[in-house]
Amino acid sequence: MATVRHKTAADPGEVLGKAVLRAAQRMGLSRSELARVIGRDRSSISRSGIDPDSKAGELAKILIRCYRALAVMVDDNPQQIREWLATENHHTGGVPEQQLKSVAGLVWVTEYLDAIRGKV
């Protein structure tokens, strides 16, 4: 006799937590740096996920969008992603890696990447 297996829906907070950890890792951000960017304790991100509707969740989604925009431009090459983030950029008015550490900077860099990709 066959057993019926029910698929359980993935927890959105867990999915968002894993996605932002992966994006941060590909961008060369440590868990501590990621925690500062989204305003959450570094250990709680992987342990309990991130509520997508919270402030941290909104910031995590913006960081993922930033990563995806940059990854598309450099064919998802981690070395080029990190190099772009670490290099002074006169269009963004600073070093993107440093700018990501404030909400305004994160939004600005993400909007810049979206604009140069022609998404806006």
PDB file of N, CA and C in Angstrom:
ATOM      1  N   MET A   1       0.832  -1.168   0.000  1.00  0.00           N
ATOM      2  CA  MET A   1       0.000   0.000   0.000  1.00  0.00           C
ATOM      3  C   MET A   1       0.888   1.246   0.000  1.00  0.00           C
ATOM      4  N   ALA A   2       0.543   2.208  -0.812  1.00  0.00           N
ATOM      5  CA  ALA A   2       1.326   3.434  -0.942  1.00  0.00           C
ATOM      6  C   ALA A   2       1.006   4.392   0.200  1.00  0.00           C
ATOM      7  N   THR A   3       2.026   5.076   0.639  1.00  0.00           N
ATOM      8  CA  THR A   3       1.811   6.099   1.662  1.00  0.00           C
ATOM      9  C   THR A   3       1.703   7.458   0.986  1.00  0.00           C
ATOM     10  N   VAL A   4       0.822   8.241   1.519  1.00  0.00           N
ATOM     11  CA  VAL A   4       0.612   9.582   0.987  1.00  0.00           C
ATOM     12  C   VAL A   4       1.499  10.547   1.764  1.00  0.00           C
ATOM     13  N   ARG A   5       2.271  11.302   1.024  1.00  0.00           N
ATOM     14  CA  ARG A   5       3.124  12.313   1.655  1.00  0.00           C
ATOM     15  C   ARG A   5       2.577  13.682   1.306  1.00  0.00           C
ATOM     16  N   HIS A   6       2.409  14.460   2.327  1.00  0.00           N
ATOM     17  CA  HIS A   6       1.921  15.822   2.120  1.00  0.00           C
ATOM     18  C   HIS A   6       3.107  16.772   2.127  1.00  0.00           C
ATOM     19  N   LYS A   7       3.152  17.600   1.123  1.00  0.00           N
ATOM     20  CA  LYS A   7       4.204  18.611   1.092  1.00  0.00           C
ATOM     21  C   LYS A   7       3.818  19.740   2.034  1.00  0.00           C
ATOM     22  N   THR A   8       4.763  20.138   2.828  1.00  0.00           N
ATOM     23  CA  THR A   8       4.512  21.285   3.693  1.00  0.00           C
ATOM     24  C   THR A   8       5.073  22.518   2.996  1.00  0.00           C
ATOM     25  N   ALA A   9       4.360  23.594   3.107  1.00  0.00           N
ATOM     26  CA  ALA A   9       4.802  24.841   2.481  1.00  0.00           C
ATOM     27  C   ALA A   9       6.061  25.342   3.180  1.00  0.00           C
ATOM     28  N   ALA A  10       6.962  25.869   2.389  1.00  0.00           N
ATOM     29  CA  ALA A  10       8.187  26.425   2.954  1.00  0.00           C
ATOM     30  C   ALA A  10       7.846  27.667   3.768  1.00  0.00           C
ATOM     31  N   ASP A  11       8.507  27.823   4.875  1.00  0.00           N
ATOM     32  CA  ASP A  11       8.326  28.998   5.730  1.00  0.00           C
ATOM     33  C   ASP A  11       8.969  30.203   5.031  1.00  0.00           C
ATOM     34  N   PRO A  12       8.193  31.235   4.694  1.00  0.00           N
ATOM     35  CA  PRO A  12       8.748  32.401   3.994  1.00  0.00           C
ATOM     36  C   PRO A  12       9.913  33.060   4.742  1.00  0.00           C
ATOM     37  N   GLY A  13       9.846  33.088   6.059  1.00  0.00           N
ATOM     38  CA  GLY A  13      10.923  33.677   6.845  1.00  0.00           C
ATOM     39  C   GLY A  13      12.208  32.882   6.741  1.00  0.00           C
ATOM     40  N   GLU A  14      12.073  31.575   6.721  1.00  0.00           N
ATOM     41  CA  GLU A  14      13.235  30.703   6.590  1.00  0.00           C
ATOM     42  C   GLU A  14      13.850  30.849   5.197  1.00  0.00           C
ATOM     43  N   VAL A  15      12.998  30.898   4.188  1.00  0.00           N
ATOM     44  CA  VAL A  15      13.467  31.052   2.808  1.00  0.00           C
ATOM     45  C   VAL A  15      14.199  32.386   2.646  1.00  0.00           C
ATOM     46  N   LEU A  16      13.616  33.461   3.177  1.00  0.00           N
ATOM     47  CA  LEU A  16      14.246  34.775   3.078  1.00  0.00           C
ATOM     48  C   LEU A  16      15.578  34.791   3.823  1.00  0.00           C
ATOM     49  N   GLY A  17      15.622  34.180   4.996  1.00  0.00           N
ATOM     50  CA  GLY A  17      16.867  34.116   5.757  1.00  0.00           C
ATOM     51  C   GLY A  17      17.967  33.414   4.984  1.00  0.00           C
ATOM     52  N   LYS A  18      17.647  32.281   4.382  1.00  0.00           N
ATOM     53  CA  LYS A  18      18.641  31.535   3.597  1.00  0.00           C
ATOM     54  C   LYS A  18      19.075  32.326   2.368  1.00  0.00           C
ATOM     55  N   ALA A  19      18.111  32.965   1.708  1.00  0.00           N
ATOM     56  CA  ALA A  19      18.425  33.719   0.492  1.00  0.00           C
ATOM     57  C   ALA A  19      19.340  34.904   0.784  1.00  0.00           C
ATOM     58  N   VAL A  20      19.071  35.633   1.860  1.00  0.00           N
ATOM     59  CA  VAL A  20      19.898  36.800   2.158  1.00  0.00           C
ATOM     60  C   VAL A  20      21.282  36.368   2.649  1.00  0.00           C
ATOM     61  N   LEU A  21      21.370  35.258   3.357  1.00  0.00           N
ATOM     62  CA  LEU A  21      22.682  34.742   3.764  1.00  0.00           C
ATOM     63  C   LEU A  21      23.508  34.369   2.537  1.00  0.00           C
ATOM     64  N   ARG A  22      22.868  33.736   1.571  1.00  0.00           N
ATOM     65  CA  ARG A  22      23.553  33.334   0.341  1.00  0.00           C
ATOM     66  C   ARG A  22      23.997  34.566  -0.451  1.00  0.00           C
ATOM     67  N   ALA A  23      23.116  35.555  -0.572  1.00  0.00           N
ATOM     68  CA  ALA A  23      23.460  36.780  -1.301  1.00  0.00           C
ATOM     69  C   ALA A  23      24.626  37.499  -0.623  1.00  0.00           C
ATOM     70  N   ALA A  24      24.567  37.618   0.691  1.00  0.00           N
ATOM     71  CA  ALA A  24      25.639  38.291   1.434  1.00  0.00           C
ATOM     72  C   ALA A  24      26.965  37.563   1.250  1.00  0.00           C
ATOM     73  N   GLN A  25      26.924  36.249   1.297  1.00  0.00           N
ATOM     74  CA  GLN A  25      28.145  35.452   1.117  1.00  0.00           C
ATOM     75  C   GLN A  25      28.731  35.690  -0.272  1.00  0.00           C
ATOM     76  N   ARG A  26      27.891  35.709  -1.300  1.00  0.00           N
ATOM     77  CA  ARG A  26      28.355  35.930  -2.670  1.00  0.00           C
ATOM     78  C   ARG A  26      28.902  37.353  -2.842  1.00  0.00           C
ATOM     79  N   MET A  27      28.400  38.283  -2.027  1.00  0.00           N
ATOM     80  CA  MET A  27      28.865  39.664  -2.096  1.00  0.00           C
ATOM     81  C   MET A  27      30.109  39.892  -1.237  1.00  0.00           C
ATOM     82  N   GLY A  28      30.512  38.884  -0.494  1.00  0.00           N
ATOM     83  CA  GLY A  28      31.684  39.010   0.358  1.00  0.00           C
ATOM     84  C   GLY A  28      31.411  39.686   1.686  1.00  0.00           C
ATOM     85  N   LEU A  29      30.141  39.739   2.087  1.00  0.00           N
ATOM     86  CA  LEU A  29      29.786  40.335   3.376  1.00  0.00           C
ATOM     87  C   LEU A  29      29.795  39.260   4.456  1.00  0.00           C
ATOM     88  N   SER A  30      30.379  39.564   5.585  1.00  0.00           N
ATOM     89  CA  SER A  30      30.360  38.626   6.707  1.00  0.00           C
ATOM     90  C   SER A  30      28.967  38.624   7.326  1.00  0.00           C
ATOM     91  N   ARG A  31      28.705  37.651   8.174  1.00  0.00           N
ATOM     92  CA  ARG A  31      27.411  37.614   8.867  1.00  0.00           C
ATOM     93  C   ARG A  31      27.234  38.835   9.762  1.00  0.00           C
ATOM     94  N   SER A  32      28.324  39.299  10.343  1.00  0.00           N
ATOM     95  CA  SER A  32      28.255  40.508  11.183  1.00  0.00           C
ATOM     96  C   SER A  32      27.896  41.728  10.347  1.00  0.00           C
ATOM     97  N   GLU A  33      28.503  41.844   9.163  1.00  0.00           N
ATOM     98  CA  GLU A  33      28.185  42.967   8.279  1.00  0.00           C
ATOM     99  C   GLU A  33      26.735  42.879   7.808  1.00  0.00           C
ATOM    100  N   LEU A  34      26.302  41.676   7.458  1.00  0.00           N
ATOM    101  CA  LEU A  34      24.909  41.478   7.054  1.00  0.00           C
ATOM    102  C   LEU A  34      23.969  41.882   8.181  1.00  0.00           C
ATOM    103  N   ALA A  35      24.296  41.472   9.392  1.00  0.00           N
ATOM    104  CA  ALA A  35      23.455  41.798  10.547  1.00  0.00           C
ATOM    105  C   ALA A  35      23.321  43.309  10.712  1.00  0.00           C
ATOM    106  N   ARG A  36      24.416  44.046  10.503  1.00  0.00           N
ATOM    107  CA  ARG A  36      24.366  45.511  10.597  1.00  0.00           C
ATOM    108  C   ARG A  36      23.502  46.103   9.482  1.00  0.00           C
ATOM    109  N   VAL A  37      23.596  45.536   8.287  1.00  0.00           N
ATOM    110  CA  VAL A  37      22.827  46.055   7.149  1.00  0.00           C
ATOM    111  C   VAL A  37      21.331  45.918   7.398  1.00  0.00           C
ATOM    112  N   ILE A  38      20.896  44.747   7.866  1.00  0.00           N
ATOM    113  CA  ILE A  38      19.454  44.521   8.005  1.00  0.00           C
ATOM    114  C   ILE A  38      18.936  44.734   9.424  1.00  0.00           C
ATOM    115  N   GLY A  39      19.839  44.982  10.367  1.00  0.00           N
ATOM    116  CA  GLY A  39      19.403  45.291  11.728  1.00  0.00           C
ATOM    117  C   GLY A  39      18.933  44.094  12.531  1.00  0.00           C
ATOM    118  N   ARG A  40      19.570  42.963  12.328  1.00  0.00           N
ATOM    119  CA  ARG A  40      19.231  41.747  13.075  1.00  0.00           C
ATOM    120  C   ARG A  40      20.502  41.141  13.652  1.00  0.00           C
ATOM    121  N   ASP A  41      20.356  40.394  14.736  1.00  0.00           N
ATOM    122  CA  ASP A  41      21.477  39.664  15.309  1.00  0.00           C
ATOM    123  C   ASP A  41      21.918  38.597  14.311  1.00  0.00           C
ATOM    124  N   ARG A  42      23.227  38.464  14.120  1.00  0.00           N
ATOM    125  CA  ARG A  42      23.731  37.558  13.080  1.00  0.00           C
ATOM    126  C   ARG A  42      23.327  36.110  13.286  1.00  0.00           C
ATOM    127  N   SER A  43      23.240  35.658  14.524  1.00  0.00           N
ATOM    128  CA  SER A  43      22.886  34.256  14.757  1.00  0.00           C
ATOM    129  C   SER A  43      21.400  33.996  14.549  1.00  0.00           C
ATOM    130  N   SER A  44      20.578  35.021  14.738  1.00  0.00           N
ATOM    131  CA  SER A  44      19.134  34.810  14.598  1.00  0.00           C
ATOM    132  C   SER A  44      18.695  34.719  13.140  1.00  0.00           C
ATOM    133  N   ILE A  45      19.509  35.213  12.223  1.00  0.00           N
ATOM    134  CA  ILE A  45      19.137  35.175  10.807  1.00  0.00           C
ATOM    135  C   ILE A  45      18.988  33.738  10.331  1.00  0.00           C
ATOM    136  N   SER A  46      19.983  32.911  10.613  1.00  0.00           N
ATOM    137  CA  SER A  46      19.904  31.518  10.159  1.00  0.00           C
ATOM    138  C   SER A  46      19.061  30.663  11.096  1.00  0.00           C
ATOM    139  N   ARG A  47      19.018  31.029  12.361  1.00  0.00           N
ATOM    140  CA  ARG A  47      18.287  30.213  13.331  1.00  0.00           C
ATOM    141  C   ARG A  47      16.776  30.372  13.201  1.00  0.00           C
ATOM    142  N   SER A  48      16.305  31.604  13.070  1.00  0.00           N
ATOM    143  CA  SER A  48      14.855  31.806  13.055  1.00  0.00           C
ATOM    144  C   SER A  48      14.336  32.470  11.791  1.00  0.00           C
ATOM    145  N   GLY A  49      15.194  32.714  10.824  1.00  0.00           N
ATOM    146  CA  GLY A  49      14.749  33.328   9.585  1.00  0.00           C
ATOM    147  C   GLY A  49      14.449  34.806   9.763  1.00  0.00           C
ATOM    148  N   ILE A  50      13.808  35.387   8.754  1.00  0.00           N
ATOM    149  CA  ILE A  50      13.484  36.813   8.776  1.00  0.00           C
ATOM    150  C   ILE A  50      12.049  36.981   8.297  1.00  0.00           C
ATOM    151  N   ASP A  51      11.238  37.607   9.114  1.00  0.00           N
ATOM    152  CA  ASP A  51       9.855  37.882   8.724  1.00  0.00           C
ATOM    153  C   ASP A  51       9.874  38.822   7.516  1.00  0.00           C
ATOM    154  N   PRO A  52       9.353  38.387   6.366  1.00  0.00           N
ATOM    155  CA  PRO A  52       9.387  39.222   5.163  1.00  0.00           C
ATOM    156  C   PRO A  52       8.680  40.569   5.315  1.00  0.00           C
ATOM    157  N   ASP A  53       7.741  40.671   6.253  1.00  0.00           N
ATOM    158  CA  ASP A  53       6.992  41.913   6.435  1.00  0.00           C
ATOM    159  C   ASP A  53       7.617  42.857   7.463  1.00  0.00           C
ATOM    160  N   SER A  54       8.707  42.435   8.086  1.00  0.00           N
ATOM    161  CA  SER A  54       9.375  43.276   9.085  1.00  0.00           C
ATOM    162  C   SER A  54      10.337  44.243   8.390  1.00  0.00           C
ATOM    163  N   LYS A  55      10.856  45.203   9.155  1.00  0.00           N
ATOM    164  CA  LYS A  55      11.853  46.130   8.612  1.00  0.00           C
ATOM    165  C   LYS A  55      13.076  45.350   8.139  1.00  0.00           C
ATOM    166  N   ALA A  56      13.530  44.392   8.945  1.00  0.00           N
ATOM    167  CA  ALA A  56      14.674  43.566   8.552  1.00  0.00           C
ATOM    168  C   ALA A  56      14.362  42.794   7.275  1.00  0.00           C
ATOM    169  N   GLY A  57      13.128  42.324   7.152  1.00  0.00           N
ATOM    170  CA  GLY A  57      12.715  41.599   5.953  1.00  0.00           C
ATOM    171  C   GLY A  57      12.747  42.481   4.719  1.00  0.00           C
ATOM    172  N   GLU A  58      12.276  43.711   4.859  1.00  0.00           N
ATOM    173  CA  GLU A  58      12.304  44.651   3.731  1.00  0.00           C
ATOM    174  C   GLU A  58      13.743  44.944   3.318  1.00  0.00           C
ATOM    175  N   LEU A  59      14.620  45.158   4.300  1.00  0.00           N
ATOM    176  CA  LEU A  59      16.027  45.424   3.996  1.00  0.00           C
ATOM    177  C   LEU A  59      16.696  44.204   3.377  1.00  0.00           C
ATOM    178  N   ALA A  60      16.347  43.018   3.854  1.00  0.00           N
ATOM    179  CA  ALA A  60      16.895  41.787   3.277  1.00  0.00           C
ATOM    180  C   ALA A  60      16.490  41.658   1.815  1.00  0.00           C
ATOM    181  N   LYS A  61      15.241  41.980   1.508  1.00  0.00           N
ATOM    182  CA  LYS A  61      14.772  41.893   0.119  1.00  0.00           C
ATOM    183  C   LYS A  61      15.491  42.906  -0.770  1.00  0.00           C
ATOM    184  N   ILE A  62      15.772  44.086  -0.238  1.00  0.00           N
ATOM    185  CA  ILE A  62      16.512  45.086  -1.018  1.00  0.00           C
ATOM    186  C   ILE A  62      17.941  44.606  -1.258  1.00  0.00           C
ATOM    187  N   LEU A  63      18.579  44.027  -0.235  1.00  0.00           N
ATOM    188  CA  LEU A  63      19.939  43.518  -0.402  1.00  0.00           C
ATOM    189  C   LEU A  63      19.973  42.399  -1.443  1.00  0.00           C
ATOM    190  N   ILE A  64      18.989  41.526  -1.428  1.00  0.00           N
ATOM    191  CA  ILE A  64      18.919  40.453  -2.428  1.00  0.00           C
ATOM    192  C   ILE A  64      18.740  41.054  -3.821  1.00  0.00           C
ATOM    193  N   ARG A  65      17.896  42.071  -3.929  1.00  0.00           N
ATOM    194  CA  ARG A  65      17.692  42.734  -5.221  1.00  0.00           C
ATOM    195  C   ARG A  65      18.998  43.372  -5.699  1.00  0.00           C
ATOM    196  N   CYS A  66      19.742  43.971  -4.782  1.00  0.00           N
ATOM    197  CA  CYS A  66      21.037  44.568  -5.102  1.00  0.00           C
ATOM    198  C   CYS A  66      21.986  43.491  -5.628  1.00  0.00           C
ATOM    199  N   TYR A  67      22.066  42.388  -4.919  1.00  0.00           N
ATOM    200  CA  TYR A  67      22.927  41.281  -5.344  1.00  0.00           C
ATOM    201  C   TYR A  67      22.535  40.787  -6.734  1.00  0.00           C
ATOM    202  N   ARG A  68      21.255  40.562  -6.952  1.00  0.00           N
ATOM    203  CA  ARG A  68      20.800  40.023  -8.236  1.00  0.00           C
ATOM    204  C   ARG A  68      21.113  40.978  -9.386  1.00  0.00           C
ATOM    205  N   ALA A  69      20.922  42.277  -9.161  1.00  0.00           N
ATOM    206  CA  ALA A  69      21.220  43.266 -10.199  1.00  0.00           C
ATOM    207  C   ALA A  69      22.705  43.257 -10.543  1.00  0.00           C
ATOM    208  N   LEU A  70      23.539  43.194  -9.529  1.00  0.00           N
ATOM    209  CA  LEU A  70      24.981  43.170  -9.746  1.00  0.00           C
ATOM    210  C   LEU A  70      25.420  41.849 -10.369  1.00  0.00           C
ATOM    211  N   ALA A  71      24.856  40.750  -9.919  1.00  0.00           N
ATOM    212  CA  ALA A  71      25.218  39.432 -10.446  1.00  0.00           C
ATOM    213  C   ALA A  71      24.924  39.327 -11.939  1.00  0.00           C
ATOM    214  N   VAL A  72      23.813  39.885 -12.368  1.00  0.00           N
ATOM    215  CA  VAL A  72      23.461  39.854 -13.792  1.00  0.00           C
ATOM    216  C   VAL A  72      24.502  40.606 -14.614  1.00  0.00           C
ATOM    217  N   MET A  73      24.984  41.719 -14.089  1.00  0.00           N
ATOM    218  CA  MET A  73      25.945  42.547 -14.833  1.00  0.00           C
ATOM    219  C   MET A  73      27.303  41.885 -14.986  1.00  0.00           C
ATOM    220  N   VAL A  74      27.691  41.048 -14.035  1.00  0.00           N
ATOM    221  CA  VAL A  74      29.037  40.452 -14.073  1.00  0.00           C
ATOM    222  C   VAL A  74      28.981  38.932 -14.224  1.00  0.00           C
ATOM    223  N   ASP A  75      27.894  38.440 -14.773  1.00  0.00           N
ATOM    224  CA  ASP A  75      27.716  37.011 -15.019  1.00  0.00           C
ATOM    225  C   ASP A  75      27.892  36.185 -13.742  1.00  0.00           C
ATOM    226  N   ASP A  76      27.438  36.734 -12.628  1.00  0.00           N
ATOM    227  CA  ASP A  76      27.474  36.086 -11.311  1.00  0.00           C
ATOM    228  C   ASP A  76      28.874  35.625 -10.903  1.00  0.00           C
ATOM    229  N   ASN A  77      29.875  36.397 -11.296  1.00  0.00           N
ATOM    230  CA  ASN A  77      31.257  36.089 -10.943  1.00  0.00           C
ATOM    231  C   ASN A  77      31.555  36.697  -9.567  1.00  0.00           C
ATOM    232  N   PRO A  78      31.734  35.855  -8.538  1.00  0.00           N
ATOM    233  CA  PRO A  78      31.935  36.377  -7.174  1.00  0.00           C
ATOM    234  C   PRO A  78      33.109  37.345  -7.051  1.00  0.00           C
ATOM    235  N   GLN A  79      34.188  37.083  -7.776  1.00  0.00           N
ATOM    236  CA  GLN A  79      35.349  37.967  -7.704  1.00  0.00           C
ATOM    237  C   GLN A  79      35.007  39.347  -8.266  1.00  0.00           C
ATOM    238  N   GLN A  80      34.294  39.388  -9.383  1.00  0.00           N
ATOM    239  CA  GLN A  80      33.915  40.670  -9.970  1.00  0.00           C
ATOM    240  C   GLN A  80      32.875  41.390  -9.110  1.00  0.00           C
ATOM    241  N   ILE A  81      31.980  40.636  -8.498  1.00  0.00           N
ATOM    242  CA  ILE A  81      30.993  41.239  -7.595  1.00  0.00           C
ATOM    243  C   ILE A  81      31.716  41.936  -6.447  1.00  0.00           C
ATOM    244  N   ARG A  82      32.648  41.236  -5.827  1.00  0.00           N
ATOM    245  CA  ARG A  82      33.375  41.800  -4.682  1.00  0.00           C
ATOM    246  C   ARG A  82      34.244  42.978  -5.097  1.00  0.00           C
ATOM    247  N   GLU A  83      34.856  42.867  -6.281  1.00  0.00           N
ATOM    248  CA  GLU A  83      35.688  43.961  -6.780  1.00  0.00           C
ATOM    249  C   GLU A  83      34.842  45.212  -7.018  1.00  0.00           C
ATOM    250  N   TRP A  84      33.677  45.046  -7.633  1.00  0.00           N
ATOM    251  CA  TRP A  84      32.798  46.187  -7.890  1.00  0.00           C
ATOM    252  C   TRP A  84      32.381  46.832  -6.566  1.00  0.00           C
ATOM    253  N   LEU A  85      32.036  46.021  -5.599  1.00  0.00           N
ATOM    254  CA  LEU A  85      31.597  46.542  -4.303  1.00  0.00           C
ATOM    255  C   LEU A  85      32.712  47.273  -3.557  1.00  0.00           C
ATOM    256  N   ALA A  86      33.958  46.852  -3.755  1.00  0.00           N
ATOM    257  CA  ALA A  86      35.084  47.412  -3.004  1.00  0.00           C
ATOM    258  C   ALA A  86      35.727  48.621  -3.680  1.00  0.00           C
ATOM    259  N   THR A  87      35.294  48.947  -4.891  1.00  0.00           N
ATOM    260  CA  THR A  87      35.915  50.017  -5.671  1.00  0.00           C
ATOM    261  C   THR A  87      35.106  51.307  -5.585  1.00  0.00           C
ATOM    262  N   GLU A  88      35.813  52.410  -5.376  1.00  0.00           N
ATOM    263  CA  GLU A  88      35.173  53.735  -5.371  1.00  0.00           C
ATOM    264  C   GLU A  88      34.365  53.907  -6.652  1.00  0.00           C
ATOM    265  N   ASN A  89      33.141  54.395  -6.502  1.00  0.00           N
ATOM    266  CA  ASN A  89      32.253  54.572  -7.649  1.00  0.00           C
ATOM    267  C   ASN A  89      31.743  56.008  -7.634  1.00  0.00           C
ATOM    268  N   HIS A  90      32.158  56.792  -8.622  1.00  0.00           N
ATOM    269  CA  HIS A  90      31.746  58.205  -8.605  1.00  0.00           C
ATOM    270  C   HIS A  90      30.255  58.368  -8.882  1.00  0.00           C
ATOM    271  N   HIS A  91      29.615  57.387  -9.492  1.00  0.00           N
ATOM    272  CA  HIS A  91      28.172  57.473  -9.740  1.00  0.00           C
ATOM    273  C   HIS A  91      27.365  57.307  -8.445  1.00  0.00           C
ATOM    274  N   THR A  92      27.835  56.433  -7.564  1.00  0.00           N
ATOM    275  CA  THR A  92      27.116  56.240  -6.297  1.00  0.00           C
ATOM    276  C   THR A  92      27.635  57.183  -5.214  1.00  0.00           C
ATOM    277  N   GLY A  93      28.771  57.809  -5.479  1.00  0.00           N
ATOM    278  CA  GLY A  93      29.324  58.766  -4.528  1.00  0.00           C
ATOM    279  C   GLY A  93      30.086  58.131  -3.386  1.00  0.00           C
ATOM    280  N   GLY A  94      30.646  56.954  -3.609  1.00  0.00           N
ATOM    281  CA  GLY A  94      31.419  56.302  -2.560  1.00  0.00           C
ATOM    282  C   GLY A  94      31.782  54.881  -2.926  1.00  0.00           C
ATOM    283  N   VAL A  95      32.169  54.126  -1.926  1.00  0.00           N
ATOM    284  CA  VAL A  95      32.488  52.712  -2.100  1.00  0.00           C
ATOM    285  C   VAL A  95      31.213  51.934  -1.773  1.00  0.00           C
ATOM    286  N   PRO A  96      30.621  51.256  -2.760  1.00  0.00           N
ATOM    287  CA  PRO A  96      29.346  50.581  -2.530  1.00  0.00           C
ATOM    288  C   PRO A  96      29.325  49.676  -1.297  1.00  0.00           C
ATOM    289  N   GLU A  97      30.407  48.959  -1.056  1.00  0.00           N
ATOM    290  CA  GLU A  97      30.475  48.065   0.105  1.00  0.00           C
ATOM    291  C   GLU A  97      30.225  48.830   1.406  1.00  0.00           C
ATOM    292  N   GLN A  98      30.752  50.046   1.485  1.00  0.00           N
ATOM    293  CA  GLN A  98      30.537  50.888   2.665  1.00  0.00           C
ATOM    294  C   GLN A  98      29.134  51.488   2.653  1.00  0.00           C
ATOM    295  N   GLN A  99      28.664  51.858   1.474  1.00  0.00           N
ATOM    296  CA  GLN A  99      27.344  52.464   1.352  1.00  0.00           C
ATOM    297  C   GLN A  99      26.234  51.496   1.747  1.00  0.00           C
ATOM    298  N   LEU A 100      26.453  50.203   1.536  1.00  0.00           N
ATOM    299  CA  LEU A 100      25.440  49.204   1.876  1.00  0.00           C
ATOM    300  C   LEU A 100      25.159  49.148   3.374  1.00  0.00           C
ATOM    301  N   LYS A 101      26.025  49.729   4.177  1.00  0.00           N
ATOM    302  CA  LYS A 101      25.885  49.639   5.630  1.00  0.00           C
ATOM    303  C   LYS A 101      24.867  50.621   6.208  1.00  0.00           C
ATOM    304  N   SER A 102      24.307  51.469   5.360  1.00  0.00           N
ATOM    305  CA  SER A 102      23.212  52.342   5.806  1.00  0.00           C
ATOM    306  C   SER A 102      22.002  52.067   4.924  1.00  0.00           C
ATOM    307  N   VAL A 103      20.828  52.315   5.453  1.00  0.00           N
ATOM    308  CA  VAL A 103      19.605  52.080   4.680  1.00  0.00           C
ATOM    309  C   VAL A 103      19.609  52.947   3.424  1.00  0.00           C
ATOM    310  N   ALA A 104      19.941  54.232   3.587  1.00  0.00           N
ATOM    311  CA  ALA A 104      19.958  55.137   2.437  1.00  0.00           C
ATOM    312  C   ALA A 104      20.964  54.669   1.387  1.00  0.00           C
ATOM    313  N   GLY A 105      22.133  54.238   1.836  1.00  0.00           N
ATOM    314  CA  GLY A 105      23.160  53.761   0.909  1.00  0.00           C
ATOM    315  C   GLY A 105      22.747  52.487   0.197  1.00  0.00           C
ATOM    316  N   LEU A 106      22.146  51.568   0.930  1.00  0.00           N
ATOM    317  CA  LEU A 106      21.665  50.315   0.336  1.00  0.00           C
ATOM    318  C   LEU A 106      20.642  50.605  -0.755  1.00  0.00           C
ATOM    319  N   VAL A 107      19.704  51.477  -0.456  1.00  0.00           N
ATOM    320  CA  VAL A 107      18.668  51.830  -1.434  1.00  0.00           C
ATOM    321  C   VAL A 107      19.300  52.541  -2.629  1.00  0.00           C
ATOM    322  N   TRP A 108      20.227  53.466  -2.373  1.00  0.00           N
ATOM    323  CA  TRP A 108      20.863  54.221  -3.444  1.00  0.00           C
ATOM    324  C   TRP A 108      21.637  53.302  -4.389  1.00  0.00           C
ATOM    325  N   VAL A 109      22.458  52.426  -3.851  1.00  0.00           N
ATOM    326  CA  VAL A 109      23.250  51.513  -4.684  1.00  0.00           C
ATOM    327  C   VAL A 109      22.325  50.591  -5.479  1.00  0.00           C
ATOM    328  N   THR A 110      21.278  50.095  -4.847  1.00  0.00           N
ATOM    329  CA  THR A 110      20.334  49.210  -5.532  1.00  0.00           C
ATOM    330  C   THR A 110      19.618  49.948  -6.660  1.00  0.00           C
ATOM    331  N   GLU A 111      19.180  51.169  -6.399  1.00  0.00           N
ATOM    332  CA  GLU A 111      18.516  51.954  -7.445  1.00  0.00           C
ATOM    333  C   GLU A 111      19.471  52.262  -8.592  1.00  0.00           C
ATOM    334  N   TYR A 112      20.726  52.534  -8.269  1.00  0.00           N
ATOM    335  CA  TYR A 112      21.731  52.779  -9.304  1.00  0.00           C
ATOM    336  C   TYR A 112      21.895  51.538 -10.183  1.00  0.00           C
ATOM    337  N   LEU A 113      22.045  50.379  -9.562  1.00  0.00           N
ATOM    338  CA  LEU A 113      22.211  49.143 -10.333  1.00  0.00           C
ATOM    339  C   LEU A 113      20.981  48.855 -11.186  1.00  0.00           C
ATOM    340  N   ASP A 114      19.805  49.063 -10.628  1.00  0.00           N
ATOM    341  CA  ASP A 114      18.576  48.876 -11.406  1.00  0.00           C
ATOM    342  C   ASP A 114      18.550  49.822 -12.609  1.00  0.00           C
ATOM    343  N   ALA A 115      18.962  51.068 -12.390  1.00  0.00           N
ATOM    344  CA  ALA A 115      18.928  52.068 -13.460  1.00  0.00           C
ATOM    345  C   ALA A 115      19.902  51.723 -14.583  1.00  0.00           C
ATOM    346  N   ILE A 116      21.110  51.301 -14.244  1.00  0.00           N
ATOM    347  CA  ILE A 116      22.062  51.005 -15.317  1.00  0.00           C
ATOM    348  C   ILE A 116      21.716  49.713 -16.045  1.00  0.00           C
ATOM    349  N   ARG A 117      20.924  48.883 -15.418  1.00  0.00           N
ATOM    350  CA  ARG A 117      20.429  47.685 -16.110  1.00  0.00           C
ATOM    351  C   ARG A 117      19.217  48.021 -16.969  1.00  0.00           C
ATOM    352  N   GLY A 118      18.690  49.223 -16.817  1.00  0.00           N
ATOM    353  CA  GLY A 118      17.533  49.633 -17.596  1.00  0.00           C
ATOM    354  C   GLY A 118      16.221  49.141 -17.041  1.00  0.00           C
ATOM    355  N   LYS A 119      16.217  48.802 -15.751  1.00  0.00           N
ATOM    356  CA  LYS A 119      15.016  48.248 -15.129  1.00  0.00           C
ATOM    357  C   LYS A 119      14.036  49.333 -14.711  1.00  0.00           C
ATOM    358  N   VAL A 120      14.537  50.535 -14.459  1.00  0.00           N
ATOM    359  CA  VAL A 120      13.673  51.596 -13.937  1.00  0.00           C
ATOM    360  C   VAL A 120      12.915  52.254 -15.067  1.00  0.00           C
TER     361      VAL A 120
END
